Amino acid sequence: MPDGEKPKRDQPDLPDAPVRQDSQVRQDSQVQQDSQVQQDPEETAAARRRRRAQFLRELHEAKALRDRVQPRRARAARMRQAMRMRTFRW
């Protein structure tokens, strides 16, 4: 290959685009969702319940993942909760 020649590729060269991080993608989608909510001030109760249910599912999934990844911390939290329940007066 002569000096200065680019190696051939299967795909054509694409313009250099900034690499988007996963958090940026989530942030962009959140902004998009927020703008949709602002556009529709008459949000129905059913739509609100669907969004809330989705949020709670994702929250539960994140907590379960954290418990699997950090078992010692999860066990300590369970013990603290059990102690609170034992000392709670009805």
N, C-alpha and C. Protein backbone atom coordinates (compact mmCIF):
# COMPACT_ATOMS: atom_id res chain seq x y z
N MET A 1 0.86 -1.16 0.00
CA MET A 1 0.00 0.00 0.00
C MET A 1 0.90 1.23 0.00
N PRO A 2 0.75 2.14 -0.96
CA PRO A 2 1.59 3.33 -1.00
C PRO A 2 1.30 4.26 0.17
N ASP A 3 2.27 5.12 0.48
CA ASP A 3 2.11 6.06 1.58
C ASP A 3 0.91 6.97 1.34
N GLY A 4 0.13 7.22 2.40
CA GLY A 4 -1.00 8.12 2.31
C GLY A 4 -2.28 7.50 1.81
N GLU A 5 -2.23 6.24 1.38
CA GLU A 5 -3.45 5.60 0.87
C GLU A 5 -4.20 4.97 2.02
N LYS A 6 -5.51 5.15 2.03
CA LYS A 6 -6.33 4.56 3.08
C LYS A 6 -6.65 3.12 2.73
N PRO A 7 -6.71 2.26 3.74
CA PRO A 7 -7.13 0.88 3.46
C PRO A 7 -8.61 0.87 3.07
N LYS A 8 -8.99 -0.04 2.19
CA LYS A 8 -10.37 -0.12 1.74
C LYS A 8 -11.22 -0.78 2.82
N ARG A 9 -12.42 -0.28 2.95
CA ARG A 9 -13.36 -0.82 3.92
C ARG A 9 -14.62 -1.24 3.21
N ASP A 10 -15.40 -2.06 3.92
CA ASP A 10 -16.67 -2.50 3.35
C ASP A 10 -17.69 -1.37 3.34
N GLN A 11 -17.61 -0.48 4.34
CA GLN A 11 -18.58 0.60 4.43
C GLN A 11 -17.92 1.91 4.02
N PRO A 12 -18.69 2.83 3.45
CA PRO A 12 -18.11 4.13 3.09
C PRO A 12 -17.79 4.91 4.36
N ASP A 13 -16.87 5.85 4.24
CA ASP A 13 -16.50 6.68 5.39
C ASP A 13 -17.69 7.53 5.80
N LEU A 14 -17.94 7.57 7.08
CA LEU A 14 -19.02 8.38 7.62
C LEU A 14 -18.41 9.62 8.26
N PRO A 15 -19.10 10.73 8.25
CA PRO A 15 -18.55 11.91 8.91
C PRO A 15 -18.36 11.62 10.40
N ASP A 16 -17.34 12.23 10.97
CA ASP A 16 -17.06 12.00 12.38
C ASP A 16 -18.18 12.58 13.22
N ALA A 17 -18.89 11.72 13.90
CA ALA A 17 -19.98 12.14 14.78
C ALA A 17 -19.55 11.87 16.20
N PRO A 18 -19.93 12.73 17.12
CA PRO A 18 -19.55 12.48 18.51
C PRO A 18 -20.19 11.20 19.01
N VAL A 19 -19.47 10.46 19.81
CA VAL A 19 -19.98 9.22 20.37
C VAL A 19 -20.89 9.58 21.53
N ARG A 20 -22.10 9.06 21.48
CA ARG A 20 -23.07 9.38 22.52
C ARG A 20 -23.00 8.32 23.61
N GLN A 21 -22.93 8.77 24.80
CA GLN A 21 -22.91 7.88 25.94
C GLN A 21 -24.34 7.44 26.25
N ASP A 22 -24.47 6.31 26.95
CA ASP A 22 -25.78 5.78 27.29
C ASP A 22 -26.57 6.77 28.13
N SER A 23 -25.89 7.46 29.05
CA SER A 23 -26.60 8.42 29.91
C SER A 23 -27.13 9.59 29.08
N GLN A 24 -26.38 9.98 28.03
CA GLN A 24 -26.85 11.06 27.17
C GLN A 24 -28.11 10.64 26.42
N VAL A 25 -28.14 9.39 25.97
CA VAL A 25 -29.30 8.89 25.24
C VAL A 25 -30.51 8.89 26.17
N ARG A 26 -30.31 8.41 27.42
CA ARG A 26 -31.42 8.40 28.37
C ARG A 26 -31.88 9.82 28.68
N GLN A 27 -30.92 10.73 28.83
CA GLN A 27 -31.26 12.11 29.14
C GLN A 27 -32.04 12.73 27.99
N ASP A 28 -31.61 12.47 26.76
CA ASP A 28 -32.31 13.00 25.59
C ASP A 28 -33.73 12.45 25.52
N SER A 29 -33.90 11.15 25.79
CA SER A 29 -35.24 10.58 25.74
C SER A 29 -36.11 11.15 26.85
N GLN A 30 -35.51 11.44 28.02
CA GLN A 30 -36.27 12.04 29.11
C GLN A 30 -36.73 13.44 28.73
N VAL A 31 -35.86 14.22 28.09
CA VAL A 31 -36.23 15.57 27.65
C VAL A 31 -37.36 15.47 26.64
N GLN A 32 -37.27 14.49 25.74
CA GLN A 32 -38.31 14.32 24.73
C GLN A 32 -39.64 13.95 25.40
N GLN A 33 -39.59 13.07 26.39
CA GLN A 33 -40.82 12.70 27.09
C GLN A 33 -41.39 13.89 27.84
N ASP A 34 -40.52 14.68 28.48
CA ASP A 34 -40.98 15.86 29.20
C ASP A 34 -41.67 16.84 28.27
N SER A 35 -41.10 17.02 27.07
CA SER A 35 -41.71 17.95 26.13
C SER A 35 -43.06 17.44 25.66
N GLN A 36 -43.21 16.11 25.54
CA GLN A 36 -44.50 15.55 25.15
C GLN A 36 -45.53 15.78 26.25
N VAL A 37 -45.10 15.65 27.51
CA VAL A 37 -46.02 15.86 28.61
C VAL A 37 -46.44 17.32 28.65
N GLN A 38 -45.50 18.24 28.39
CA GLN A 38 -45.84 19.65 28.41
C GLN A 38 -46.79 20.02 27.27
N GLN A 39 -46.69 19.34 26.14
CA GLN A 39 -47.56 19.63 25.02
C GLN A 39 -48.99 19.21 25.30
N ASP A 40 -49.18 18.20 26.15
CA ASP A 40 -50.50 17.67 26.42
C ASP A 40 -50.86 17.93 27.88
N PRO A 41 -51.36 19.14 28.20
CA PRO A 41 -51.67 19.44 29.59
C PRO A 41 -52.85 18.63 30.12
N GLU A 42 -53.70 18.15 29.22
CA GLU A 42 -54.87 17.36 29.61
C GLU A 42 -54.52 15.87 29.60
N GLU A 43 -53.49 15.50 30.35
CA GLU A 43 -53.08 14.10 30.39
C GLU A 43 -54.15 13.28 31.09
N THR A 44 -54.48 12.15 30.52
CA THR A 44 -55.52 11.33 31.11
C THR A 44 -54.98 10.60 32.33
N ALA A 45 -55.87 10.20 33.19
CA ALA A 45 -55.49 9.45 34.38
C ALA A 45 -54.88 8.11 33.99
N ALA A 46 -55.40 7.50 32.94
CA ALA A 46 -54.88 6.21 32.50
C ALA A 46 -53.43 6.34 32.03
N ALA A 47 -53.13 7.41 31.29
CA ALA A 47 -51.76 7.62 30.81
C ALA A 47 -50.82 7.85 31.98
N ARG A 48 -51.27 8.60 32.98
CA ARG A 48 -50.46 8.84 34.16
C ARG A 48 -50.19 7.53 34.91
N ARG A 49 -51.23 6.70 35.04
CA ARG A 49 -51.05 5.41 35.72
C ARG A 49 -50.09 4.51 34.96
N ARG A 50 -50.15 4.54 33.62
CA ARG A 50 -49.21 3.73 32.82
C ARG A 50 -47.78 4.18 33.03
N ARG A 51 -47.57 5.52 33.00
CA ARG A 51 -46.21 6.02 33.22
C ARG A 51 -45.71 5.67 34.62
N ARG A 52 -46.61 5.80 35.61
CA ARG A 52 -46.23 5.49 37.00
C ARG A 52 -45.90 4.01 37.15
N ALA A 53 -46.69 3.13 36.54
CA ALA A 53 -46.44 1.70 36.61
C ALA A 53 -45.10 1.36 35.96
N GLN A 54 -44.82 1.98 34.83
CA GLN A 54 -43.52 1.75 34.15
C GLN A 54 -42.38 2.19 35.05
N PHE A 55 -42.51 3.35 35.67
CA PHE A 55 -41.46 3.86 36.57
C PHE A 55 -41.26 2.91 37.74
N LEU A 56 -42.35 2.44 38.34
CA LEU A 56 -42.22 1.55 39.49
C LEU A 56 -41.60 0.21 39.10
N ARG A 57 -41.92 -0.29 37.89
CA ARG A 57 -41.29 -1.53 37.42
C ARG A 57 -39.79 -1.35 37.29
N GLU A 58 -39.38 -0.24 36.67
CA GLU A 58 -37.95 0.00 36.48
C GLU A 58 -37.24 0.21 37.82
N LEU A 59 -37.91 0.88 38.76
CA LEU A 59 -37.32 1.09 40.09
C LEU A 59 -37.13 -0.24 40.80
N HIS A 60 -38.13 -1.10 40.74
CA HIS A 60 -38.04 -2.41 41.39
C HIS A 60 -36.91 -3.24 40.76
N GLU A 61 -36.81 -3.17 39.44
CA GLU A 61 -35.76 -3.91 38.73
C GLU A 61 -34.37 -3.40 39.14
N ALA A 62 -34.23 -2.09 39.28
CA ALA A 62 -32.94 -1.50 39.67
C ALA A 62 -32.57 -1.91 41.10
N LYS A 63 -33.55 -1.92 41.99
CA LYS A 63 -33.28 -2.33 43.37
C LYS A 63 -32.89 -3.79 43.44
N ALA A 64 -33.57 -4.63 42.66
CA ALA A 64 -33.23 -6.06 42.65
C ALA A 64 -31.82 -6.27 42.11
N LEU A 65 -31.46 -5.52 41.07
CA LEU A 65 -30.11 -5.62 40.53
C LEU A 65 -29.07 -5.20 41.57
N ARG A 66 -29.34 -4.11 42.27
CA ARG A 66 -28.41 -3.64 43.30
C ARG A 66 -28.25 -4.70 44.40
N ASP A 67 -29.35 -5.34 44.78
CA ASP A 67 -29.28 -6.37 45.82
C ASP A 67 -28.45 -7.57 45.35
N ARG A 68 -28.55 -7.92 44.08
CA ARG A 68 -27.75 -9.05 43.56
C ARG A 68 -26.28 -8.68 43.48
N VAL A 69 -26.00 -7.44 43.13
CA VAL A 69 -24.61 -7.02 42.94
C VAL A 69 -23.91 -6.77 44.27
N GLN A 70 -24.66 -6.30 45.28
CA GLN A 70 -24.07 -5.99 46.58
C GLN A 70 -24.79 -6.78 47.67
N PRO A 71 -24.54 -8.08 47.77
CA PRO A 71 -25.29 -8.91 48.72
C PRO A 71 -25.07 -8.52 50.17
N ARG A 72 -23.87 -8.07 50.51
CA ARG A 72 -23.61 -7.72 51.91
C ARG A 72 -24.44 -6.51 52.33
N ARG A 73 -24.49 -5.53 51.46
CA ARG A 73 -25.28 -4.33 51.75
C ARG A 73 -26.77 -4.67 51.83
N ALA A 74 -27.22 -5.55 50.95
CA ALA A 74 -28.63 -5.95 50.95
C ALA A 74 -28.98 -6.69 52.24
N ARG A 75 -28.08 -7.56 52.70
CA ARG A 75 -28.33 -8.30 53.93
C ARG A 75 -28.39 -7.35 55.12
N ALA A 76 -27.47 -6.38 55.16
CA ALA A 76 -27.48 -5.40 56.24
C ALA A 76 -28.78 -4.59 56.24
N ALA A 77 -29.25 -4.23 55.06
CA ALA A 77 -30.51 -3.48 54.96
C ALA A 77 -31.68 -4.32 55.45
N ARG A 78 -31.69 -5.62 55.10
CA ARG A 78 -32.75 -6.51 55.60
C ARG A 78 -32.72 -6.61 57.11
N MET A 79 -31.51 -6.69 57.68
CA MET A 79 -31.39 -6.78 59.14
C MET A 79 -31.88 -5.50 59.81
N ARG A 80 -31.53 -4.36 59.26
CA ARG A 80 -32.01 -3.09 59.83
C ARG A 80 -33.53 -3.00 59.77
N GLN A 81 -34.10 -3.41 58.64
CA GLN A 81 -35.55 -3.39 58.50
C GLN A 81 -36.21 -4.33 59.51
N ALA A 82 -35.65 -5.51 59.68
CA ALA A 82 -36.19 -6.45 60.66
C ALA A 82 -36.13 -5.87 62.08
N MET A 83 -35.03 -5.20 62.40
CA MET A 83 -34.90 -4.58 63.72
C MET A 83 -35.94 -3.47 63.89
N ARG A 84 -36.16 -2.67 62.86
CA ARG A 84 -37.19 -1.63 62.95
C ARG A 84 -38.56 -2.24 63.18
N MET A 85 -38.84 -3.34 62.50
CA MET A 85 -40.16 -3.96 62.64
C MET A 85 -40.32 -4.58 64.02
N ARG A 86 -39.24 -5.13 64.59
CA ARG A 86 -39.33 -5.72 65.93
C ARG A 86 -39.57 -4.67 67.00
N THR A 87 -39.02 -3.47 66.82
CA THR A 87 -39.14 -2.45 67.84
C THR A 87 -40.31 -1.51 67.61
N PHE A 88 -41.06 -1.73 66.55
CA PHE A 88 -42.19 -0.86 66.24
C PHE A 88 -43.34 -1.18 67.19
N ARG A 89 -43.98 -0.13 67.74
CA ARG A 89 -45.13 -0.33 68.63
C ARG A 89 -46.40 0.00 67.89
N TRP A 90 -47.38 -0.87 67.99
CA TRP A 90 -48.66 -0.66 67.31
C TRP A 90 -49.52 0.25 68.08
